[in-house]
Amino acid sequence: MTDPRPRTVLVIGGGASGNAVTVLLRRAGIAVDLIEAKPDWNVLGSGITLQGNALRVLRELGVWDKVQESGYAFDSVGLAAPDGHVFHVQQDIRTGGEDLPATIGMQRPRLQEILCEAVRASGAMVRLGTTADELVQDETGVTARFSDGSEGRYDLVIAADGLNSLTRAMIGIGEKPEPTGMAIWRVAAPRPASVERTDLAFGGPCYIAGYCPTSENTIYAYLVEANRDRASIDPATYADEMRRLAAPYGGAWPEIAASITDPAKVNYTWFDRLLVEGSWHRGRVVLVGDAAHACPPTLAQGAAMSLEDASVLAELLSAEESWNSLDSLDDLLTRYHERRIDRVRMVVEASVQLGQWQLDGVRDADVPGLIGRTMSALKETP
């Protein structure tokens, strides 16, 4: 029997997965309220690498043309010595199909702007600078009490509030992110004319020195090292520290390093891993994206996994006419977890393994084999 009431969803978190699931649910005629803790809607960051399976979801969202116009497409990755000599160029697997590039680099703020525009155009109700302080569930729905003193009633709550999700803890899922032992320095910079793809240098003072073109005029550059106590690094020295680490590297690095002058534009972050192995929902509250899983960017699949979550969950929710029965909703959300867990586990474990081999100094590790097997598997639609 068809439910006569409009279905209502609260999405907590306006990052990639929250924005994507909002757009897709609105397309199915489902009423969506999206709340985001940050008043600026989190339009920050340096760059992001989007591989084909992420682009496939962005096309589903209807934003592919803007992404293609704003980013920088390429189909290979170069492996280099610390002095900048490129000793191998590997063709990337087109995980989104042959009609999409293997990879697009983008400025992260521009991708967020595109997704935010799509959310606004979808007709969703958006409230910025707002958090859900309490979720009270019963047989027929969820009452959310918000930080501004208001409350709302929903059939389903989707927690897309990231790695340190407060909602995850609120509903009793105890897993927390764990550091892997590595950290990354990131910065946006002007694009040297020689940079037309990602090049990765291994060795030198860092585990990895890499860069990715993000537009015709920009790149983001990154240096991966063993993690340090963040309190021991004065943020005012971030630019100096990143230039110091970059100094031994050749190729495009001298030009990149010369542009690293503003410490406020340098980001220092530890690598974390997270995988909620059991069910990703409790009653009428379900996790997506980094709230359920996160991995080091060694495979550049974090955003792709989050976007795929949104696509699969929206597909299942849009096909189900009634969410009145908690049993039927539980079955639907269980199917969502079953569709996602093996694929996500493969990516998390491979991403962590690639970093662990470097931490352990394993010189004969089958890095190309692991990457090739993983990316080949990701060609299959989720």
Protein backbone atom coordinates (compact mmCIF):
# COMPACT_ATOMS: atom_id res chain seq x y z
CA MET A 1 0.00 0.00 0.00
CA THR A 2 1.38 3.39 -0.98
CA ASP A 3 2.18 5.77 1.87
CA PRO A 4 -0.04 8.89 1.43
CA ARG A 5 2.41 11.10 3.34
CA PRO A 6 5.42 12.68 1.65
CA ARG A 7 8.55 10.91 2.82
CA THR A 8 10.84 13.17 4.86
CA VAL A 9 14.60 12.90 5.35
CA LEU A 10 17.07 14.84 7.45
CA VAL A 11 20.62 14.88 6.08
CA ILE A 12 23.24 15.82 8.67
CA GLY A 13 26.36 17.16 6.96
CA GLY A 14 26.83 19.07 3.72
CA GLY A 15 29.98 17.46 2.32
CA ALA A 16 30.21 15.29 -0.79
CA SER A 17 28.03 12.40 0.39
CA GLY A 18 25.44 14.59 2.13
CA ASN A 19 25.07 16.90 -0.85
CA ALA A 20 24.90 14.01 -3.31
CA VAL A 21 22.25 12.03 -1.46
CA THR A 22 20.19 15.19 -1.02
CA VAL A 23 20.14 15.89 -4.76
CA LEU A 24 19.25 12.30 -5.64
CA LEU A 25 16.46 12.01 -3.06
CA ARG A 26 14.94 15.33 -4.12
CA ARG A 27 14.91 14.05 -7.70
CA ALA A 28 12.73 11.18 -6.45
CA GLY A 29 10.29 13.63 -4.89
CA ILE A 30 11.40 13.03 -1.31
CA ALA A 31 11.37 16.02 1.06
CA VAL A 32 14.88 16.71 2.40
CA ASP A 33 16.21 19.05 5.06
CA LEU A 34 20.01 19.39 5.03
CA ILE A 35 21.87 20.84 8.00
CA GLU A 36 25.57 21.73 8.04
CA ALA A 37 27.50 22.70 11.15
CA LYS A 38 29.76 25.19 9.38
CA PRO A 39 28.14 28.50 8.44
CA ASP A 40 30.25 28.74 5.25
CA TRP A 41 29.07 25.28 4.07
CA ASN A 42 32.65 24.01 4.28
CA VAL A 43 33.88 25.61 1.04
CA LEU A 44 37.53 25.11 1.97
CA GLY A 45 40.49 22.93 1.00
CA SER A 46 43.22 22.66 -1.59
CA GLY A 47 42.63 19.99 -4.21
CA ILE A 48 40.97 16.67 -4.83
CA THR A 49 41.62 13.76 -7.19
CA LEU A 50 38.43 12.29 -8.68
CA GLN A 51 38.74 8.97 -10.46
CA GLY A 52 36.26 7.58 -12.95
CA ASN A 53 33.95 5.89 -10.48
CA ALA A 54 33.54 9.22 -8.66
CA LEU A 55 32.92 10.97 -11.98
CA ARG A 56 30.23 8.40 -12.77
CA VAL A 57 28.24 9.52 -9.71
CA LEU A 58 28.84 13.20 -10.46
CA ARG A 59 27.36 12.58 -13.90
CA GLU A 60 24.36 10.92 -12.25
CA LEU A 61 23.96 14.07 -10.15
CA GLY A 62 23.83 16.19 -13.31
CA VAL A 63 26.98 18.18 -12.54
CA TRP A 64 29.46 16.45 -14.84
CA ASP A 65 29.60 19.30 -17.36
CA LYS A 66 30.55 21.81 -14.65
CA VAL A 67 33.10 19.41 -13.16
CA GLN A 68 34.65 18.77 -16.56
CA GLU A 69 34.81 22.50 -17.29
CA SER A 70 36.32 23.36 -13.90
CA GLY A 71 38.82 20.52 -13.48
CA TYR A 72 41.82 19.06 -15.29
CA ALA A 73 41.49 15.63 -16.90
CA PHE A 74 44.36 13.17 -17.34
CA ASP A 75 44.79 9.45 -17.93
CA SER A 76 48.18 8.52 -16.49
CA VAL A 77 50.40 8.80 -13.44
CA GLY A 78 54.15 9.26 -13.44
CA LEU A 79 56.54 7.61 -11.00
CA ALA A 80 59.63 9.68 -10.32
CA ALA A 81 62.90 9.65 -8.41
CA PRO A 82 63.44 12.40 -5.83
CA ASP A 83 65.54 14.35 -8.36
CA GLY A 84 62.47 14.60 -10.59
CA HIS A 85 63.46 12.00 -13.19
CA VAL A 86 60.28 10.19 -14.29
CA PHE A 87 61.21 6.56 -14.73
CA HIS A 88 57.75 5.10 -15.45
CA VAL A 89 54.40 6.38 -16.73
CA GLN A 90 51.43 4.16 -15.90
CA GLN A 91 48.13 4.44 -17.77
CA ASP A 92 45.25 4.75 -15.32
CA ILE A 93 42.29 2.38 -15.41
CA ARG A 94 39.06 4.13 -16.41
CA THR A 95 36.98 3.00 -13.45
CA GLY A 96 33.97 5.03 -14.58
CA GLY A 97 33.86 3.54 -18.08
CA GLU A 98 35.55 4.43 -21.34
CA ASP A 99 33.37 7.51 -21.88
CA LEU A 100 34.80 9.26 -18.80
CA PRO A 101 38.40 10.31 -18.11
CA ALA A 102 40.44 8.11 -15.80
CA THR A 103 41.00 11.06 -13.47
CA ILE A 104 40.08 14.69 -12.98
CA GLY A 105 41.93 16.92 -10.57
CA MET A 106 39.88 19.77 -9.12
CA GLN A 107 40.14 22.56 -6.64
CA ARG A 108 38.19 21.17 -3.70
CA PRO A 109 36.35 24.45 -3.02
CA ARG A 110 35.11 24.52 -6.63
CA LEU A 111 33.74 20.98 -6.38
CA GLN A 112 31.94 21.92 -3.16
CA GLU A 113 30.49 25.04 -4.81
CA ILE A 114 29.14 22.92 -7.68
CA LEU A 115 27.53 20.44 -5.29
CA CYS A 116 26.08 23.22 -3.14
CA GLU A 117 24.55 24.83 -6.23
CA ALA A 118 22.95 21.47 -7.12
CA VAL A 119 21.51 21.13 -3.60
CA ARG A 120 20.02 24.62 -3.75
CA ALA A 121 18.55 23.94 -7.19
CA SER A 122 16.99 20.68 -5.95
CA GLY A 123 14.64 22.54 -3.63
CA ALA A 124 16.01 21.01 -0.44
CA MET A 125 15.71 23.07 2.73
CA VAL A 126 19.26 24.04 3.78
CA ARG A 127 20.24 25.32 7.22
CA LEU A 128 23.86 26.30 7.81
CA GLY A 129 25.57 26.73 11.17
CA THR A 130 23.16 24.16 12.60
CA THR A 131 23.70 20.82 14.34
CA ALA A 132 21.39 18.05 15.55
CA ASP A 133 21.85 17.87 19.30
CA GLU A 134 19.39 15.04 19.94
CA LEU A 135 17.65 12.34 17.91
CA VAL A 136 14.67 10.61 19.52
CA GLN A 137 13.38 7.57 17.65
CA ASP A 138 10.10 5.72 17.88
CA GLU A 139 8.22 3.24 15.72
CA THR A 140 7.02 5.83 13.22
CA GLY A 141 9.86 8.33 12.92
CA VAL A 142 12.67 10.42 14.39
CA THR A 143 12.36 13.72 16.24
CA ALA A 144 15.48 15.85 15.76
CA ARG A 145 16.23 18.68 18.17
CA PHE A 146 18.52 21.31 16.70
CA SER A 147 21.13 23.65 18.10
CA ASP A 148 18.93 26.70 17.40
CA GLY A 149 16.19 25.35 19.69
CA SER A 150 13.90 24.12 16.92
CA GLU A 151 12.93 20.55 16.15
CA GLY A 152 11.72 18.50 13.19
CA ARG A 153 10.09 15.15 12.52
CA TYR A 154 11.51 12.77 9.91
CA ASP A 155 11.05 9.28 8.52
CA LEU A 156 14.81 8.83 8.14
CA VAL A 157 18.01 10.56 9.22
CA ILE A 158 21.14 10.24 7.07
CA ALA A 159 24.35 10.94 8.97
CA ALA A 160 26.88 12.41 6.55
CA ASP A 161 28.82 14.33 9.19
CA GLY A 162 32.26 13.01 8.42
CA LEU A 163 35.15 11.19 9.99
CA ASN A 164 34.49 12.41 13.51
CA SER A 165 30.72 12.01 13.19
CA LEU A 166 28.85 13.01 16.33
CA THR A 167 25.79 11.20 15.00
CA ARG A 168 27.69 7.91 14.82
CA ALA A 169 28.43 8.13 18.52
CA MET A 170 24.92 9.41 19.29
CA ILE A 171 23.30 6.24 17.92
CA GLY A 172 25.71 3.94 19.73
CA ILE A 173 28.19 2.92 17.03
CA GLY A 174 31.48 2.85 18.87
CA GLU A 175 34.09 2.68 16.10
CA LYS A 176 36.40 5.68 15.93
CA PRO A 177 39.05 6.72 13.40
CA GLU A 178 42.54 5.40 14.07
CA PRO A 179 45.77 7.07 12.88
CA THR A 180 47.79 5.01 10.39
CA GLY A 181 51.15 6.58 11.28
CA MET A 182 51.39 8.93 8.30
CA ALA A 183 50.56 12.59 7.78
CA ILE A 184 50.22 14.85 4.76
CA TRP A 185 51.11 18.45 3.97
CA ARG A 186 48.87 19.96 1.27
CA VAL A 187 48.85 23.29 -0.54
CA ALA A 188 47.20 24.82 -3.60
CA ALA A 189 49.71 26.40 -6.00
CA PRO A 190 50.03 27.81 -9.52
CA ARG A 191 50.42 25.11 -12.17
CA PRO A 192 53.90 24.82 -13.67
CA ALA A 193 53.64 24.36 -17.44
CA SER A 194 55.32 20.94 -17.13
CA VAL A 195 52.61 19.51 -14.85
CA GLU A 196 50.00 17.70 -16.95
CA ARG A 197 49.22 14.71 -14.71
CA THR A 198 49.96 13.40 -11.24
CA ASP A 199 53.63 12.58 -10.64
CA LEU A 200 54.70 10.77 -7.48
CA ALA A 201 58.26 10.78 -6.18
CA PHE A 202 59.16 8.11 -3.63
CA GLY A 203 62.11 8.49 -1.28
CA GLY A 204 63.92 11.55 -0.04
CA PRO A 205 62.85 13.14 3.26
CA CYS A 206 59.21 12.15 2.67
CA TYR A 207 57.49 8.90 1.81
CA ILE A 208 55.74 10.57 -1.15
CA ALA A 209 56.12 13.93 -2.87
CA GLY A 210 53.29 14.43 -5.34
CA TYR A 211 51.15 16.93 -7.17
CA CYS A 212 47.95 16.93 -9.19
CA PRO A 213 46.74 19.52 -11.72
CA THR A 214 43.40 20.98 -10.60
CA SER A 215 42.69 23.43 -13.45
CA GLU A 216 44.53 25.05 -16.33
CA ASN A 217 46.17 27.41 -13.85
CA THR A 218 46.35 25.51 -10.55
CA ILE A 219 47.62 22.35 -8.89
CA TYR A 220 47.63 20.95 -5.42
CA ALA A 221 50.90 19.62 -4.09
CA TYR A 222 51.42 17.24 -1.19
CA LEU A 223 54.16 15.71 0.91
CA VAL A 224 53.60 12.57 2.98
CA GLU A 225 55.71 11.83 6.06
CA ALA A 226 55.46 10.02 9.39
CA ASN A 227 52.93 11.76 11.60
CA ARG A 228 54.18 14.17 14.24
CA ASP A 229 52.60 15.66 17.33
CA ARG A 230 50.53 18.45 15.82
CA ALA A 231 50.98 20.56 18.93
CA SER A 232 54.73 20.61 18.24
CA ILE A 233 54.29 22.43 14.91
CA ASP A 234 53.41 26.12 15.06
CA PRO A 235 50.82 26.82 12.31
CA ALA A 236 52.67 30.07 11.58
CA THR A 237 55.59 27.93 10.33
CA TYR A 238 53.56 25.67 8.02
CA ALA A 239 54.78 27.31 4.80
CA ASP A 240 58.40 27.26 5.97
CA GLU A 241 58.10 23.63 7.01
CA MET A 242 56.56 22.52 3.73
CA ARG A 243 59.26 24.36 1.75
CA ARG A 244 61.92 22.68 3.89
CA LEU A 245 60.50 19.23 3.17
CA ALA A 246 60.14 20.03 -0.55
CA ALA A 247 63.65 21.44 -0.98
CA PRO A 248 65.44 18.14 -1.89
CA TYR A 249 62.97 17.31 -4.68
CA GLY A 250 63.58 18.12 -8.34
CA GLY A 251 61.38 18.32 -11.40
CA ALA A 252 58.53 20.79 -10.87
CA TRP A 253 59.14 21.02 -7.12
CA PRO A 254 61.47 24.05 -7.05
CA GLU A 255 58.82 26.11 -8.86
CA ILE A 256 56.07 24.76 -6.62
CA ALA A 257 58.06 25.36 -3.43
CA ALA A 258 58.77 28.98 -4.39
CA SER A 259 55.02 29.66 -4.36
CA ILE A 260 54.49 28.24 -0.84
CA THR A 261 54.60 31.46 1.17
CA ASP A 262 51.31 31.73 3.09
CA PRO A 263 51.10 29.39 6.11
CA ALA A 264 47.32 29.82 6.22
CA LYS A 265 47.07 28.06 2.84
CA VAL A 266 49.03 25.00 3.98
CA ASN A 267 47.09 22.13 5.52
CA TYR A 268 48.65 19.47 7.77
CA THR A 269 46.56 16.36 8.45
CA TRP A 270 47.14 12.89 9.84
CA PHE A 271 46.05 9.85 7.83
CA ASP A 272 43.25 7.91 9.53
CA ARG A 273 41.43 4.68 8.87
CA LEU A 274 37.86 3.82 9.79
CA LEU A 275 35.55 1.00 8.84
CA VAL A 276 32.29 0.32 10.63
CA GLU A 277 32.09 -3.43 10.04
CA GLY A 278 28.65 -4.08 11.48
CA SER A 279 25.40 -2.52 10.38
CA TRP A 280 25.63 1.13 9.31
CA HIS A 281 22.23 1.98 10.77
CA ARG A 282 20.40 1.99 14.06
CA GLY A 283 16.66 2.13 13.58
CA ARG A 284 15.89 5.09 11.32
CA VAL A 285 19.38 6.65 11.37
CA VAL A 286 21.96 5.53 8.77
CA LEU A 287 25.60 6.45 8.09
CA VAL A 288 27.08 7.42 4.72
CA GLY A 289 30.54 8.45 3.57
CA ASP A 290 33.31 9.21 6.03
CA ALA A 291 30.93 8.69 8.94
CA ALA A 292 30.96 4.97 8.05
CA HIS A 293 34.41 4.55 6.51
CA ALA A 294 37.55 6.51 5.71
CA CYS A 295 40.99 5.69 4.39
CA PRO A 296 44.31 7.32 3.56
CA PRO A 297 44.37 9.01 0.13
CA THR A 298 46.93 6.54 -1.22
CA LEU A 299 44.38 5.29 -3.79
CA ALA A 300 42.55 8.64 -4.12
CA GLN A 301 39.25 6.83 -3.48
CA GLY A 302 37.86 8.54 -0.38
CA ALA A 303 35.46 10.90 -2.16
CA ALA A 304 34.54 8.19 -4.67
CA MET A 305 33.47 5.79 -1.92
CA SER A 306 31.39 8.53 -0.27
CA LEU A 307 29.69 9.44 -3.54
CA GLU A 308 28.99 5.79 -4.29
CA ASP A 309 27.36 5.41 -0.87
CA ALA A 310 25.03 8.28 -1.69
CA SER A 311 24.13 6.79 -5.06
CA VAL A 312 23.37 3.31 -3.73
CA LEU A 313 21.39 4.54 -0.72
CA ALA A 314 19.35 6.96 -2.82
CA GLU A 315 18.63 4.24 -5.37
CA LEU A 316 17.23 1.94 -2.69
CA LEU A 317 15.27 4.64 -0.89
CA SER A 318 13.78 6.01 -4.11
CA ALA A 319 12.53 2.57 -5.16
CA GLU A 320 10.71 1.93 -1.87
CA GLU A 321 7.28 3.57 -1.80
CA SER A 322 6.61 3.34 1.93
CA TRP A 323 8.90 3.67 4.94
CA ASN A 324 6.08 3.35 7.50
CA SER A 325 7.19 -0.10 8.60
CA LEU A 326 10.37 -0.11 10.64
CA ASP A 327 10.92 -3.72 9.59
CA SER A 328 10.85 -2.86 5.88
CA LEU A 329 13.16 0.12 6.43
CA ASP A 330 15.53 -2.09 8.41
CA ASP A 331 15.61 -4.54 5.50
CA LEU A 332 16.30 -1.72 3.03
CA LEU A 333 19.15 -0.26 5.09
CA THR A 334 20.61 -3.74 5.60
CA ARG A 335 20.66 -4.20 1.82
CA TYR A 336 22.46 -0.87 1.50
CA HIS A 337 25.19 -2.08 3.87
CA GLU A 338 25.46 -5.40 2.06
CA ARG A 339 25.85 -3.62 -1.29
CA ARG A 340 28.66 -1.43 0.05
CA ILE A 341 30.68 -3.24 2.72
CA ASP A 342 32.87 -5.57 0.62
CA ARG A 343 33.77 -2.87 -1.90
CA VAL A 344 34.52 -0.30 0.79
CA ARG A 345 36.53 -2.81 2.84
CA MET A 346 38.65 -3.61 -0.23
CA VAL A 347 39.47 0.09 -0.73
CA VAL A 348 40.16 0.81 2.94
CA GLU A 349 42.43 -2.21 3.35
CA ALA A 350 44.33 -1.56 0.11
CA SER A 351 44.79 2.14 0.94
CA VAL A 352 46.13 1.31 4.39
CA GLN A 353 48.37 -1.46 3.05
CA LEU A 354 50.04 0.85 0.55
CA GLY A 355 51.03 3.19 3.36
CA GLN A 356 52.03 0.40 5.73
CA TRP A 357 54.48 -1.04 3.20
CA GLN A 358 56.23 2.34 3.17
CA LEU A 359 56.20 2.66 6.96
CA ASP A 360 57.72 -0.82 7.20
CA GLY A 361 60.31 -0.17 4.48
CA VAL A 362 59.15 -3.11 2.36
CA ARG A 363 61.09 -2.78 -0.90
CA ASP A 364 59.63 -5.72 -2.82
CA ALA A 365 55.95 -4.95 -2.14
CA ASP A 366 53.60 -5.59 -5.05
CA VAL A 367 52.35 -2.01 -5.24
CA PRO A 368 51.40 -2.07 -8.95
CA GLY A 369 49.62 -5.39 -8.50
CA LEU A 370 47.56 -4.22 -5.52
CA ILE A 371 46.60 -0.96 -7.22
CA GLY A 372 45.77 -2.74 -10.49
CA ARG A 373 43.56 -5.37 -8.82
CA THR A 374 41.73 -2.79 -6.77
CA MET A 375 41.10 -0.35 -9.60
CA SER A 376 40.01 -3.14 -11.95
CA ALA A 377 37.42 -4.23 -9.38
CA LEU A 378 36.14 -0.66 -9.12
CA LYS A 379 35.21 -0.65 -12.81
CA GLU A 380 32.18 -2.72 -11.79
CA THR A 381 29.22 -0.54 -10.84
CA PRO A 382 28.53 -0.60 -7.08
